[in-house]
Every structure is written in C-alpha cells, then in structure tokens.
Amino acid sequence: MTPLEVDFFTAMFLWPAEVYAVTSALAPEDFNAVSDDVRKLYRVICDLAEQGIAIDILHVRERLELSGMTPTQACDLISIATDGAPLQCNIPRYCQKIKEKAQLSQFAKELELVTLRTQSGSINPIEVMEETIQEINEIRGARGKPESVAAKELCPAFLEQAFVERSKPEQLAGLSIGIPSVDDATTGMRPAELWITGALPGRGKTAIGTMAAVRNAGQGIPTLIFSLEMPAVELMRRVAGIEMGSAVVRNMRALHDAQWDRMAEYVAEVSTWPLYVVDAGEMTPSRISAIAHMEVARHGVRFIVVDYLQLIKAPGKDPRERVGAAANSLRLLAKDLNVPILVLSQLRRPANLNDVPTMIDLRESGEIEAHANTVLLLYQPMNKSSQPTGDDEIIIGKQRNGSLGSIPVSFDSRTLTFHERYSERSA
C-alpha cells in the first residue's frame, strides 16, 4: 500500500462522513495495488456506506473476514491502512492523485498492448490507431459515478455563458445552419446540442448539411464532416456548385475560361477554410467518436456534420435498435466534446409523397427524437409532373428551448441550396 493510499484510508476511518463524496469519484479499480487486498478494503468501505452501516474498525474487519480473509490478515490490513497522518481538507486531493495514478497505469498498459499488436505485423495500423485513440478517450473520460452540482456553482457558470451570448455582435447564440429565418427561430446550434435534419431520399438533407458546413467553415469555424455516403472529392464538387451552380461543375468540359478561372479562385479560397472531411463508408459509433476527439484536439473542431445516421454501423438486433444506439452515441459525443453536431437522417417514404412529414416519419423513429435537442423536417411538395412546386418548408418538429412551426423556404436546384421564401405563413 502506497503512502498516498495509507493517508486516504486513514482519512476514511477518521472522517467516515466523507466517504459518500469519495465513492462518487473513485472506483475499486483505481487502486493499483499488487494484490487485491487494497481494492477489497475499498469495496468493503463502499458497501458499508451504501447500506448505511458505520465505517469503523469493527465493521470493516467483519466484512473483510466474510470476504475470505483470516482475522490476522484483516487486522494486519487495517493496521497498515490506518497508519497515516492525513488532513481532512486534503481528501479531495487524495482522490484526485489516486485517480491520476490509475489513469497513468491504464495508459501505460494500453501503450504496451499497442506495441505487442504492432509487432505481430498482421494488424491494420489504421485500426490499431483508431482503437487506441478510443481507449485513451475512455481512460481520460473515466470519472467514476456522477456527482450532483449545487445551484450556487451552476448559477455563476450559467451567468458566464449568458454574458458571452449577450456580448456577441451577432444575434445568434449558437452556430448558423445557413438559413437566416431558421437561425432566427432557433437562435442557432449551441455547444453540446444534437440536431437532426430529416428528409426523403434526394430531397435536400445533404444540401442542408453542406450549407451549414460551408457557412461556418467560411467564417473560420473549424468544421468536420463525416460523409458516409458521398466521396470527399464529390463533396467538394457540391461545395463548388454552391458558388458556380451544380450543372456547371458536373460538366467541366463545358466551362469557358472565365468560368474556370472563377471556379479555381473560389476553390482556392475554400482550401484556406478550416474544413475537414472523413469519407470512410464503414463507420461505427466508436470510430466516429475516436476520430472526432482526435480532430478536436488536432484542429480545434467546433462543429460536426454527420451524413447520414442510418449508415452508421451501430450494435443492435434490428434497424430501430441500431439507429437508436447511433443517435445516442452522437448525443453523448456532442456533450463530451461540447460542440454542436448536425446529423442528417432519412424519413420513411409515405404513401403520398406530398404528405407533410411529422416526427413519426423519421426512419426508426422514437429513439432519434428522444436524443435530439432540435429536429428539422424538410418538406418539398411535387406537382403532377413530379416536379418541385417551389413551396418548400422546413418544419421545426422539436425544439427543447423554443417554439415549433413551419418556415417557408425554396430549394434552388441550380446551386442545391435552400433560400428564404417569403410567405404569409410563418414559424
């Protein structure tokens, strides 16, 4: 038992009321002793605390004996564990140091495992790197049981955030989605929020994601796109089409010299934006999380777009469970990274293609709706010739801190972007 652990356990016997704060921060696995005796002692103390039994030498010794120790072994362990000279005010520091040592030990073990795996020569190095990043993120994020936070601590944090929002020169509290009327109705995508945008196939969901990414990256906000459906180069073609027109960039041979020069100039500007694209087809929630953590650390990413939800390979016995697990993992990722994540999702195909979409039209719905802070549904009615009527709408189907409604927009088929459409109907 280390001197730090001796001081810790002595403090637990001297000030047993402190154990409730300690058990929320430390787990038995955080005590990296050579034998299991130290962890066993901590488990006994935790069990006594949960059962409301006094934490004293008598009760601890009895429980150690019930766990398989002889009376002599139990007494010797308690004697060693109560030989410290702690200070009550240092108990939080003892917990922090024990936790840090445990994380360092786990990190060292992970590096040793990586070395052994790479020496075998039969492992894909990219897979090893991604799995290692995920393991490191889990080690870093391990904080034991969650603790409550007093209002007197939360209120200053809230006021600080409110002051930052109030001091912004622009009206938005969060990031823009690229359509002013939608921004006005929602106040933008705030840190740690999960936004879902649903649409039928070919009805503009990728357009919304691309618009939001271009708007924010163009303003210098580091943006990461997970493009599970479209190759990265084709996504850049879509970005160029916003400026040049989609028909123009589809047929490069038709560009005259002035158009080519204009496109080259715009693409050169895009190349200076903090815009990053991952276009791997097979993506699991853990792989997305690992890459996102890496990109936040490397490039300071502040906005993430995922295109699209149903293509994520999440665990589950049926599509509903898999999509629900993917949505929940992205919700947790947004909260962990403290960045907004915009996730594109397919809507189920209705019997009548001109039916106004509702929340239940989200494919494998229920779980998706529950995990989202905001849900936008794209509505693009067609005429009898199966051509868009131009009376498009973005429906705010869910907004935790705001009103619901319908916002008139128009889809520009030339640039594949949405624009405001002024109408008597308003959100």
Protein backbone atom coordinates (compact mmCIF):
# COMPACT_ATOMS: atom_id res chain seq x y z
CA MET A 1 0.00 0.00 0.00
CA THR A 2 1.43 3.37 -1.03
CA PRO A 3 1.76 6.29 1.43
CA LEU A 4 -0.95 8.10 -0.53
CA GLU A 5 -3.35 5.18 -0.11
CA VAL A 6 -2.47 4.92 3.60
CA ASP A 7 -3.38 8.58 4.13
CA PHE A 8 -6.57 8.08 2.15
CA PHE A 9 -7.80 5.08 4.16
CA THR A 10 -6.82 6.66 7.45
CA ALA A 11 -8.97 9.65 6.50
CA MET A 12 -11.90 7.34 5.77
CA PHE A 13 -11.75 5.93 9.31
CA LEU A 14 -11.26 9.35 10.91
CA TRP A 15 -13.96 11.15 8.92
CA PRO A 16 -16.39 8.45 7.69
CA ALA A 17 -18.97 11.02 6.56
CA GLU A 18 -16.58 11.97 3.73
CA VAL A 19 -16.92 8.52 2.19
CA TYR A 20 -20.06 9.50 0.26
CA ALA A 21 -18.16 12.15 -1.68
CA VAL A 22 -15.26 9.75 -2.22
CA THR A 23 -17.28 6.84 -3.62
CA SER A 24 -18.70 9.08 -6.34
CA ALA A 25 -15.18 9.87 -7.55
CA LEU A 26 -13.25 6.61 -7.14
CA ALA A 27 -13.86 3.02 -8.18
CA PRO A 28 -12.11 -0.05 -6.67
CA GLU A 29 -10.19 -0.45 -9.94
CA ASP A 30 -8.50 2.91 -9.33
CA PHE A 31 -6.38 1.34 -6.58
CA ASN A 32 -3.50 -0.22 -8.50
CA ALA A 33 -2.02 -2.38 -5.75
CA VAL A 34 0.00 -5.51 -6.45
CA SER A 35 -2.52 -7.62 -4.53
CA ASP A 36 -6.31 -7.29 -4.45
CA ASP A 37 -6.38 -6.54 -0.70
CA VAL A 38 -6.43 -2.75 -1.10
CA ARG A 39 -9.30 -2.92 -3.60
CA LYS A 40 -11.11 -5.36 -1.32
CA LEU A 41 -10.77 -2.91 1.58
CA TYR A 42 -12.23 -0.10 -0.51
CA ARG A 43 -15.11 -2.31 -1.70
CA VAL A 44 -15.94 -3.10 1.94
CA ILE A 45 -15.99 0.60 2.84
CA CYS A 46 -18.22 1.38 -0.15
CA ASP A 47 -20.63 -1.45 0.71
CA LEU A 48 -20.91 -0.28 4.32
CA ALA A 49 -21.62 3.27 3.14
CA GLU A 50 -24.34 2.12 0.73
CA GLN A 51 -26.01 0.09 3.47
CA GLY A 52 -25.82 2.93 5.99
CA ILE A 53 -23.60 0.99 8.40
CA ALA A 54 -20.97 2.80 10.43
CA ILE A 55 -17.48 2.71 8.94
CA ASP A 56 -15.33 1.66 11.85
CA ILE A 57 -12.62 -0.90 12.51
CA LEU A 58 -15.06 -3.49 13.90
CA HIS A 59 -17.44 -3.50 10.91
CA VAL A 60 -14.65 -3.32 8.36
CA ARG A 61 -12.82 -6.25 9.96
CA GLU A 62 -16.00 -8.36 9.98
CA ARG A 63 -16.63 -7.69 6.30
CA LEU A 64 -13.03 -8.46 5.36
CA GLU A 65 -13.31 -11.80 7.14
CA LEU A 66 -16.57 -12.52 5.31
CA SER A 67 -14.73 -11.85 2.05
CA GLY A 68 -12.28 -14.68 2.79
CA MET A 69 -9.54 -13.09 4.88
CA THR A 70 -8.36 -14.64 8.13
CA PRO A 71 -8.75 -12.50 11.29
CA THR A 72 -4.98 -11.92 11.31
CA GLN A 73 -4.91 -10.83 7.67
CA ALA A 74 -7.85 -8.46 8.23
CA CYS A 75 -6.25 -6.91 11.31
CA ASP A 76 -2.89 -6.51 9.58
CA LEU A 77 -4.52 -4.79 6.57
CA ILE A 78 -6.47 -2.40 8.80
CA SER A 79 -3.36 -1.68 10.86
CA ILE A 80 -1.42 -0.69 7.75
CA ALA A 81 -4.35 1.30 6.33
CA THR A 82 -4.78 3.39 9.49
CA ASP A 83 -1.13 4.33 9.96
CA GLY A 84 -1.33 7.61 8.04
CA ALA A 85 -1.43 11.22 9.12
CA PRO A 86 -3.97 12.82 6.80
CA LEU A 87 -5.70 16.19 6.83
CA GLN A 88 -9.44 16.33 6.29
CA CYS A 89 -9.11 19.21 3.85
CA ASN A 90 -6.79 17.08 1.67
CA ILE A 91 -9.32 14.29 1.00
CA PRO A 92 -10.29 15.68 -2.46
CA ARG A 93 -6.60 15.86 -3.36
CA TYR A 94 -6.04 12.25 -2.23
CA CYS A 95 -8.88 11.17 -4.54
CA GLN A 96 -7.51 13.16 -7.45
CA LYS A 97 -3.99 11.75 -7.07
CA ILE A 98 -5.24 8.17 -6.80
CA LYS A 99 -7.37 8.69 -9.93
CA GLU A 100 -4.47 10.21 -11.85
CA LYS A 101 -2.16 7.32 -10.94
CA ALA A 102 -4.81 4.85 -12.06
CA GLN A 103 -5.17 6.62 -15.42
CA LEU A 104 -1.41 6.69 -15.94
CA SER A 105 -1.24 2.98 -15.18
CA GLN A 106 -4.05 2.24 -17.65
CA PHE A 107 -2.34 4.41 -20.26
CA ALA A 108 0.95 2.54 -19.81
CA LYS A 109 -0.84 -0.80 -20.20
CA GLU A 110 -2.56 0.43 -23.37
CA LEU A 111 0.78 1.52 -24.89
CA GLU A 112 2.29 -1.86 -24.03
CA LEU A 113 -0.65 -3.59 -25.73
CA VAL A 114 -0.25 -1.40 -28.82
CA THR A 115 3.44 -2.31 -29.00
CA LEU A 116 2.65 -6.03 -28.85
CA ARG A 117 -0.05 -5.71 -31.52
CA THR A 118 2.12 -3.75 -33.93
CA GLN A 119 5.00 -6.19 -33.55
CA SER A 120 2.82 -9.02 -34.83
CA GLY A 121 2.75 -7.36 -38.28
CA SER A 122 -0.68 -8.77 -39.16
CA ILE A 123 -2.78 -5.89 -37.80
CA ASN A 124 -4.06 -2.95 -39.85
CA PRO A 125 -2.20 0.08 -38.43
CA ILE A 126 -5.17 2.41 -39.03
CA GLU A 127 -7.43 0.13 -36.99
CA VAL A 128 -4.85 -0.03 -34.21
CA MET A 129 -4.58 3.76 -34.12
CA GLU A 130 -8.35 4.30 -34.02
CA GLU A 131 -8.90 1.68 -31.33
CA THR A 132 -6.04 3.14 -29.28
CA ILE A 133 -7.48 6.65 -29.53
CA GLN A 134 -10.85 5.30 -28.40
CA GLU A 135 -9.28 3.51 -25.43
CA ILE A 136 -7.36 6.65 -24.43
CA ASN A 137 -10.54 8.71 -24.64
CA GLU A 138 -12.30 6.21 -22.38
CA ILE A 139 -9.43 6.35 -19.89
CA ARG A 140 -9.49 10.14 -19.96
CA GLY A 141 -13.25 10.28 -19.58
CA ALA A 142 -13.49 7.80 -16.71
CA ARG A 143 -14.70 9.82 -13.75
CA GLY A 144 -16.47 7.26 -11.62
CA LYS A 145 -20.07 7.82 -10.57
CA PRO A 146 -21.62 11.17 -11.47
CA GLU A 147 -21.84 13.78 -8.74
CA SER A 148 -24.51 16.37 -8.14
CA VAL A 149 -23.60 20.02 -8.58
CA ALA A 150 -25.02 22.68 -6.27
CA ALA A 151 -27.03 25.58 -7.69
CA LYS A 152 -24.52 28.02 -6.17
CA GLU A 153 -21.90 26.52 -8.54
CA LEU A 154 -24.21 26.22 -11.55
CA CYS A 155 -25.58 29.77 -11.42
CA PRO A 156 -22.21 31.53 -11.96
CA ALA A 157 -21.46 29.15 -14.86
CA PHE A 158 -24.84 29.94 -16.41
CA LEU A 159 -24.36 33.70 -16.00
CA GLU A 160 -20.91 33.47 -17.57
CA GLN A 161 -22.35 31.66 -20.61
CA ALA A 162 -25.26 34.10 -20.79
CA PHE A 163 -22.83 37.04 -20.68
CA VAL A 164 -20.84 35.58 -23.59
CA GLU A 165 -24.04 35.15 -25.62
CA ARG A 166 -25.22 38.66 -24.76
CA SER A 167 -21.87 40.16 -25.75
CA LYS A 168 -21.83 38.61 -29.22
CA PRO A 169 -22.06 41.18 -32.01
CA GLU A 170 -24.41 38.88 -33.94
CA GLN A 171 -27.86 37.82 -32.71
CA LEU A 172 -27.21 34.09 -32.82
CA ALA A 173 -26.37 32.35 -29.57
CA GLY A 174 -25.10 29.31 -31.50
CA LEU A 175 -23.81 28.46 -34.97
CA SER A 176 -25.73 29.21 -38.15
CA ILE A 177 -27.36 26.49 -40.20
CA GLY A 178 -27.11 28.76 -43.26
CA ILE A 179 -30.74 29.96 -43.49
CA PRO A 180 -31.41 33.22 -41.60
CA SER A 181 -35.09 32.52 -40.83
CA VAL A 182 -34.23 29.13 -39.34
CA ASP A 183 -31.44 30.74 -37.32
CA ASP A 184 -33.89 33.37 -36.03
CA ALA A 185 -36.41 30.71 -34.97
CA THR A 186 -33.83 28.53 -33.20
CA THR A 187 -31.07 31.03 -32.18
CA GLY A 188 -28.55 28.66 -33.77
CA MET A 189 -26.85 25.38 -32.93
CA ARG A 190 -25.40 25.68 -29.44
CA PRO A 191 -22.45 23.75 -27.96
CA ALA A 192 -23.25 20.18 -26.85
CA GLU A 193 -26.52 20.10 -28.82
CA LEU A 194 -27.57 17.29 -31.18
CA TRP A 195 -29.58 18.45 -34.18
CA ILE A 196 -31.38 16.02 -36.51
CA THR A 197 -32.43 17.03 -40.03
CA GLY A 198 -34.74 14.55 -41.75
CA ALA A 199 -35.73 14.35 -45.40
CA LEU A 200 -36.81 11.83 -48.00
CA PRO A 201 -34.01 10.49 -50.24
CA GLY A 202 -32.95 13.15 -52.75
CA ARG A 203 -34.94 15.90 -51.03
CA GLY A 204 -32.19 18.10 -49.62
CA LYS A 205 -30.74 16.59 -46.46
CA THR A 206 -27.16 16.64 -47.81
CA ALA A 207 -27.79 20.17 -49.08
CA ILE A 208 -28.63 21.35 -45.55
CA GLY A 209 -25.51 19.69 -44.12
CA THR A 210 -23.28 21.15 -46.85
CA MET A 211 -24.76 24.62 -46.44
CA ALA A 212 -24.20 24.58 -42.68
CA ALA A 213 -20.63 23.34 -43.10
CA VAL A 214 -19.81 25.96 -45.77
CA ARG A 215 -21.38 28.78 -43.76
CA ASN A 216 -19.40 28.01 -40.61
CA ALA A 217 -16.10 26.91 -42.15
CA GLY A 218 -16.23 30.00 -44.37
CA GLN A 219 -16.42 32.12 -41.21
CA GLY A 220 -13.31 30.46 -39.81
CA ILE A 221 -15.07 27.95 -37.53
CA PRO A 222 -13.27 24.58 -37.71
CA THR A 223 -15.79 22.13 -39.16
CA LEU A 224 -15.66 18.35 -39.53
CA ILE A 225 -17.89 16.41 -41.94
CA PHE A 226 -18.42 12.65 -41.73
CA SER A 227 -19.56 11.89 -45.29
CA LEU A 228 -20.66 8.26 -45.13
CA GLU A 229 -22.47 8.36 -48.47
CA MET A 230 -20.60 10.79 -50.73
CA PRO A 231 -16.85 10.61 -51.51
CA ALA A 232 -14.86 13.59 -50.21
CA VAL A 233 -13.95 14.82 -53.71
CA GLU A 234 -17.61 14.75 -54.77
CA LEU A 235 -18.49 16.68 -51.64
CA MET A 236 -16.01 19.34 -52.75
CA ARG A 237 -17.78 19.37 -56.13
CA ARG A 238 -21.01 20.06 -54.20
CA VAL A 239 -19.28 22.91 -52.33
CA ALA A 240 -18.04 24.39 -55.61
CA GLY A 241 -21.57 24.08 -57.01
CA ILE A 242 -22.88 26.43 -54.33
CA GLU A 243 -20.81 29.18 -55.96
CA MET A 244 -20.80 28.06 -59.60
CA GLY A 245 -24.01 26.08 -59.99
CA SER A 246 -24.33 22.31 -59.84
CA ALA A 247 -24.86 21.88 -63.60
CA VAL A 248 -21.65 23.76 -64.31
CA VAL A 249 -19.44 21.67 -62.04
CA ARG A 250 -20.98 18.41 -63.30
CA ASN A 251 -19.64 19.08 -66.80
CA MET A 252 -16.19 20.61 -66.50
CA ARG A 253 -15.56 20.41 -70.27
CA ALA A 254 -18.37 22.94 -70.80
CA LEU A 255 -16.67 25.61 -68.68
CA HIS A 256 -15.30 28.55 -70.63
CA ASP A 257 -12.07 30.18 -69.48
CA ALA A 258 -13.73 32.87 -67.35
CA GLN A 259 -15.84 30.27 -65.51
CA TRP A 260 -12.81 28.07 -64.95
CA ASP A 261 -10.82 30.97 -63.53
CA ARG A 262 -13.72 31.92 -61.25
CA MET A 263 -14.09 28.35 -60.01
CA ALA A 264 -10.36 27.97 -59.44
CA GLU A 265 -10.35 31.20 -57.44
CA TYR A 266 -13.29 30.03 -55.29
CA VAL A 267 -11.77 26.58 -54.70
CA ALA A 268 -8.51 28.26 -53.69
CA GLU A 269 -10.48 30.24 -51.12
CA VAL A 270 -12.18 27.06 -49.85
CA SER A 271 -8.76 25.45 -49.44
CA THR A 272 -7.96 28.06 -46.77
CA TRP A 273 -11.05 27.22 -44.71
CA PRO A 274 -10.76 25.01 -41.60
CA LEU A 275 -12.94 22.33 -43.24
CA TYR A 276 -12.12 18.64 -42.73
CA VAL A 277 -13.84 15.64 -44.33
CA VAL A 278 -13.88 11.95 -43.40
CA ASP A 279 -15.47 9.82 -46.15
CA ALA A 280 -15.00 6.25 -44.89
CA GLY A 281 -18.02 4.13 -45.79
CA GLU A 282 -17.89 1.79 -42.80
CA MET A 283 -18.15 3.87 -39.64
CA THR A 284 -19.07 2.66 -36.15
CA PRO A 285 -20.04 4.99 -33.29
CA SER A 286 -16.74 4.28 -31.53
CA ARG A 287 -14.75 5.08 -34.68
CA ILE A 288 -16.64 8.34 -35.19
CA SER A 289 -16.00 9.23 -31.55
CA ALA A 290 -12.29 8.44 -31.80
CA ILE A 291 -11.82 10.49 -34.97
CA ALA A 292 -13.88 13.40 -33.61
CA HIS A 293 -11.82 13.53 -30.40
CA MET A 294 -8.63 13.45 -32.47
CA GLU A 295 -9.81 16.25 -34.80
CA VAL A 296 -10.93 18.43 -31.88
CA ALA A 297 -7.50 18.02 -30.30
CA ARG A 298 -5.64 18.50 -33.60
CA HIS A 299 -7.67 21.22 -35.34
CA GLY A 300 -9.92 22.67 -32.63
CA VAL A 301 -13.09 21.48 -34.40
CA ARG A 302 -16.19 23.36 -33.16
CA PHE A 303 -18.89 21.95 -35.46
CA ILE A 304 -19.57 18.43 -36.76
CA VAL A 305 -21.88 17.22 -39.56
CA VAL A 306 -22.77 13.52 -39.99
CA ASP A 307 -24.27 12.39 -43.33
CA TYR A 308 -26.16 10.26 -42.61
CA LEU A 309 -27.49 8.48 -39.49
CA GLN A 310 -28.79 5.22 -40.98
CA LEU A 311 -25.37 4.40 -42.48
CA ILE A 312 -23.61 4.22 -39.10
CA LYS A 313 -22.81 0.61 -38.17
CA ALA A 314 -24.09 0.57 -34.60
CA PRO A 315 -24.82 -2.50 -32.44
CA GLY A 316 -28.38 -3.84 -32.22
CA LYS A 317 -30.55 -6.72 -33.29
CA ASP A 318 -32.73 -4.66 -35.67
CA PRO A 319 -32.58 -1.32 -37.53
CA ARG A 320 -34.50 0.50 -34.80
CA GLU A 321 -32.01 -0.53 -32.11
CA ARG A 322 -29.01 0.20 -34.32
CA VAL A 323 -30.19 3.68 -35.29
CA GLY A 324 -31.16 4.41 -31.69
CA ALA A 325 -27.72 3.36 -30.47
CA ALA A 326 -26.05 5.53 -33.13
CA ALA A 327 -28.18 8.56 -32.20
CA ASN A 328 -27.44 8.11 -28.51
CA SER A 329 -23.70 7.80 -29.14
CA LEU A 330 -23.75 11.07 -31.11
CA ARG A 331 -25.71 12.78 -28.33
CA LEU A 332 -23.07 11.70 -25.82
CA LEU A 333 -20.29 12.76 -28.20
CA ALA A 334 -21.76 16.27 -28.58
CA LYS A 335 -21.97 16.59 -24.81
CA ASP A 336 -18.47 15.23 -24.24
CA LEU A 337 -16.83 17.47 -26.86
CA ASN A 338 -19.10 20.44 -26.10
CA VAL A 339 -19.69 21.07 -29.82
CA PRO A 340 -22.94 21.03 -31.82
CA ILE A 341 -23.46 18.01 -34.07
CA LEU A 342 -25.81 18.18 -37.05
CA VAL A 343 -26.95 14.68 -38.06
CA LEU A 344 -28.77 14.04 -41.32
CA SER A 345 -31.42 11.32 -41.35
CA GLN A 346 -33.76 9.70 -43.83
CA LEU A 347 -37.54 9.97 -43.49
CA ARG A 348 -39.65 6.95 -44.23
CA ARG A 349 -41.41 7.06 -47.59
CA PRO A 350 -45.12 7.91 -47.13
CA ALA A 351 -48.00 6.54 -49.20
CA ASN A 352 -48.50 10.02 -50.65
CA LEU A 353 -45.20 11.77 -51.41
CA ASN A 354 -46.86 15.16 -50.81
CA ASP A 355 -47.86 14.35 -47.23
CA VAL A 356 -46.39 16.85 -44.78
CA PRO A 357 -43.73 14.99 -42.73
CA THR A 358 -44.11 14.58 -38.99
CA MET A 359 -41.86 13.29 -36.22
CA ILE A 360 -43.11 9.73 -36.70
CA ASP A 361 -41.76 9.82 -40.26
CA LEU A 362 -38.18 9.72 -39.01
CA ARG A 363 -36.99 6.28 -40.03
CA GLU A 364 -36.64 4.04 -36.97
CA SER A 365 -38.13 6.97 -35.02
CA GLY A 366 -38.65 7.24 -31.27
CA GLU A 367 -35.03 6.90 -30.21
CA ILE A 368 -33.91 9.56 -32.71
CA GLU A 369 -36.47 12.05 -31.47
CA ALA A 370 -35.68 11.36 -27.82
CA HIS A 371 -31.95 12.02 -28.21
CA ALA A 372 -32.20 15.22 -30.28
CA ASN A 373 -32.29 18.78 -28.97
CA THR A 374 -33.76 20.04 -32.24
CA VAL A 375 -35.39 18.21 -35.16
CA LEU A 376 -35.86 19.81 -38.58
CA LEU A 377 -38.03 18.11 -41.23
CA LEU A 378 -37.64 19.08 -44.88
CA TYR A 379 -40.85 19.24 -46.93
CA GLN A 380 -40.64 19.52 -50.73
CA PRO A 381 -44.05 19.05 -52.42
CA MET A 382 -44.27 17.91 -56.03
CA ASN A 383 -46.73 18.76 -58.82
CA LYS A 384 -48.49 16.27 -61.06
CA SER A 385 -45.40 16.10 -63.27
CA SER A 386 -43.27 15.10 -60.24
CA GLN A 387 -41.51 18.44 -60.34
CA PRO A 388 -40.97 20.57 -57.21
CA THR A 389 -43.65 23.21 -56.77
CA GLY A 390 -41.24 25.57 -55.02
CA ASP A 391 -43.43 25.73 -51.93
CA ASP A 392 -40.84 24.06 -49.74
CA GLU A 393 -40.85 24.23 -45.96
CA ILE A 394 -38.51 23.48 -43.09
CA ILE A 395 -40.62 22.20 -40.21
CA ILE A 396 -39.28 22.59 -36.68
CA GLY A 397 -40.63 19.32 -35.27
CA LYS A 398 -38.81 19.57 -31.94
CA GLN A 399 -37.01 22.34 -30.11
CA ARG A 400 -36.32 21.86 -26.42
CA ASN A 401 -35.99 25.55 -25.63
CA GLY A 402 -38.14 27.12 -28.31
CA SER A 403 -41.35 27.03 -30.29
CA LEU A 404 -42.34 24.72 -33.11
CA GLY A 405 -43.51 25.81 -36.53
CA SER A 406 -43.00 25.86 -40.28
CA ILE A 407 -40.58 28.11 -42.14
CA PRO A 408 -41.20 28.83 -45.86
CA VAL A 409 -38.10 28.16 -47.96
CA SER A 410 -37.28 27.48 -51.58
CA PHE A 411 -34.82 24.91 -52.90
CA ASP A 412 -32.56 26.27 -55.62
CA SER A 413 -31.90 23.33 -57.95
CA ARG A 414 -29.11 25.30 -59.65
CA THR A 415 -26.91 25.59 -56.55
CA LEU A 416 -28.59 22.81 -54.50
CA THR A 417 -29.20 25.19 -51.62
CA PHE A 418 -32.20 26.41 -49.63
CA HIS A 419 -33.20 30.07 -49.53
CA GLU A 420 -35.83 32.02 -47.68
CA ARG A 421 -39.26 32.19 -49.29
CA TYR A 422 -41.43 35.00 -48.07
CA SER A 423 -44.98 33.87 -47.37
CA GLU A 424 -47.93 34.70 -45.16
CA ARG A 425 -47.19 31.50 -43.24
CA SER A 426 -44.51 31.96 -40.62
CA ALA A 427 -42.88 29.86 -37.93
